[in-house]
């Protein structure tokens, strides 16, 4: 099956596994998805991720993170820029998620990074997703 928006598929799989309180979720691999998962690990939203080769494109296994009582760490995920409507932001207009409590994932010319990192490096780009 051909998926047109692979980033939305990644976010939906994580959101669904989170609400079902699964420990892990498997996602078809790509370099963009690996970069997003690395940001989620660095920011403390997921425990870890690993990439297994399956002879085709590979599979990312994401280990989700929970608080006491299986309360999910990720409260919300939202896709911002979609294939039908791309959303770009300059460094001056960079969005703040939940007044700085969440993160925005930005695809810049220097790679995929958080909104804080993009402000620090003074680059704008495509706003991929909000996570809080």
Protein backbone atom coordinates (compact mmCIF):
# COMPACT_ATOMS: atom_id res chain seq x y z
CA UNK A 1 0.00 0.00 0.00
CA UNK A 2 1.32 3.42 -0.96
CA UNK A 3 1.28 6.00 1.84
CA UNK A 4 1.34 9.59 0.59
CA UNK A 5 2.17 11.32 3.90
CA UNK A 6 4.73 9.18 5.72
CA UNK A 7 5.31 11.67 8.55
CA UNK A 8 1.58 11.77 9.36
CA UNK A 9 1.66 7.94 9.34
CA UNK A 10 4.56 7.98 11.86
CA UNK A 11 2.74 10.41 14.16
CA UNK A 12 -0.54 8.47 13.89
CA UNK A 13 1.13 5.15 14.72
CA UNK A 14 2.82 6.70 17.79
CA UNK A 15 -0.45 8.40 18.85
CA UNK A 16 -2.46 5.16 18.49
CA UNK A 17 0.13 3.01 20.31
CA UNK A 18 0.27 5.64 23.08
CA UNK A 19 -3.49 5.64 23.59
CA UNK A 20 -3.57 1.83 23.54
CA UNK A 21 -0.67 1.84 26.07
CA UNK A 22 1.60 -0.39 23.97
CA UNK A 23 5.29 -0.67 24.91
CA UNK A 24 6.62 -0.55 21.34
CA UNK A 25 5.39 0.36 17.87
CA UNK A 26 6.87 -0.59 14.48
CA UNK A 27 7.09 1.91 11.63
CA UNK A 28 8.52 1.55 8.09
CA UNK A 29 11.92 3.29 8.04
CA UNK A 30 13.11 6.38 6.19
CA UNK A 31 15.84 8.93 6.91
CA UNK A 32 13.28 11.64 7.77
CA UNK A 33 11.51 9.33 10.25
CA UNK A 34 14.85 8.38 11.84
CA UNK A 35 15.67 12.08 12.31
CA UNK A 36 12.24 12.75 13.89
CA UNK A 37 12.62 9.74 16.22
CA UNK A 38 16.10 10.97 17.24
CA UNK A 39 14.59 14.35 18.18
CA UNK A 40 11.88 12.59 20.21
CA UNK A 41 14.57 10.62 22.10
CA UNK A 42 16.71 13.73 22.69
CA UNK A 43 13.71 15.71 23.99
CA UNK A 44 12.60 12.83 26.27
CA UNK A 45 9.27 11.98 24.61
CA UNK A 46 10.21 8.35 23.82
CA UNK A 47 12.70 5.96 25.49
CA UNK A 48 14.59 4.75 22.42
CA UNK A 49 14.29 3.59 18.84
CA UNK A 50 16.12 0.99 16.80
CA UNK A 51 16.28 0.26 13.08
CA UNK A 52 16.14 -3.33 11.83
CA UNK A 53 16.85 -4.25 8.23
CA UNK A 54 14.18 -6.41 6.60
CA UNK A 55 15.63 -6.63 3.08
CA UNK A 56 13.46 -3.75 1.81
CA UNK A 57 13.47 -0.34 3.50
CA UNK A 58 13.83 -1.44 7.12
CA UNK A 59 11.64 -1.08 10.21
CA UNK A 60 11.95 1.43 13.06
CA UNK A 61 10.92 0.01 16.44
CA UNK A 62 10.00 2.84 18.82
CA UNK A 63 9.91 2.14 22.58
CA UNK A 64 7.32 4.47 24.13
CA UNK A 65 7.80 6.22 27.45
CA UNK A 66 5.21 6.35 30.25
CA UNK A 67 4.92 8.02 33.64
CA UNK A 68 3.56 6.27 36.76
CA UNK A 69 0.30 4.42 36.13
CA UNK A 70 0.92 4.07 32.37
CA UNK A 71 0.31 7.81 31.86
CA UNK A 72 1.80 8.63 28.41
CA UNK A 73 4.59 11.24 28.26
CA UNK A 74 3.35 12.46 24.85
CA UNK A 75 0.11 14.38 25.48
CA UNK A 76 -0.41 15.39 21.86
CA UNK A 77 1.01 15.15 18.33
CA UNK A 78 -0.15 17.29 15.44
CA UNK A 79 0.98 17.36 11.81
CA UNK A 80 1.32 20.96 10.66
CA UNK A 81 2.70 21.01 7.11
CA UNK A 82 0.82 18.55 4.88
CA UNK A 83 1.56 17.51 1.29
CA UNK A 84 -1.44 19.56 0.09
CA UNK A 85 -0.53 22.65 2.14
CA UNK A 86 3.09 23.23 3.05
CA UNK A 87 3.72 25.55 6.02
CA UNK A 88 7.06 27.39 6.11
CA UNK A 89 8.34 29.69 8.83
CA UNK A 90 11.18 32.17 9.01
CA UNK A 91 13.31 32.31 12.16
CA UNK A 92 11.45 35.46 13.29
CA UNK A 93 8.01 33.80 12.96
CA UNK A 94 9.04 30.42 14.43
CA UNK A 95 6.06 28.98 16.35
CA UNK A 96 6.18 28.24 20.08
CA UNK A 97 4.20 25.16 21.10
CA UNK A 98 2.19 25.56 24.34
CA UNK A 99 4.22 28.74 25.11
CA UNK A 100 7.50 26.79 25.09
CA UNK A 101 6.34 23.62 26.91
CA UNK A 102 6.12 21.57 23.70
CA UNK A 103 8.36 21.38 20.65
CA UNK A 104 7.93 22.08 16.95
CA UNK A 105 9.88 19.85 14.56
CA UNK A 106 11.33 21.89 11.70
CA UNK A 107 12.91 20.66 8.47
CA UNK A 108 15.65 23.18 7.63
CA UNK A 109 18.49 23.40 5.14
CA UNK A 110 20.76 22.24 8.00
CA UNK A 111 18.66 19.15 8.75
CA UNK A 112 15.66 18.26 10.90
CA UNK A 113 15.68 20.02 14.29
CA UNK A 114 13.50 21.48 17.03
CA UNK A 115 12.24 25.07 16.99
CA UNK A 116 14.70 26.00 19.78
CA UNK A 117 17.65 24.63 17.81
CA UNK A 118 16.46 26.42 14.63
CA UNK A 119 16.28 29.73 16.52
CA UNK A 120 19.77 29.13 17.92
CA UNK A 121 21.20 28.42 14.45
CA UNK A 122 19.15 31.28 12.94
CA UNK A 123 17.46 29.20 10.21
CA UNK A 124 13.84 28.83 9.13
CA UNK A 125 12.17 25.98 7.31
CA UNK A 126 9.13 23.76 6.94
CA UNK A 127 7.17 23.21 10.17
CA UNK A 128 6.57 19.45 10.20
CA UNK A 129 4.81 18.77 13.52
CA UNK A 130 3.94 19.99 17.01
CA UNK A 131 4.53 17.70 20.00
CA UNK A 132 3.54 18.40 23.59
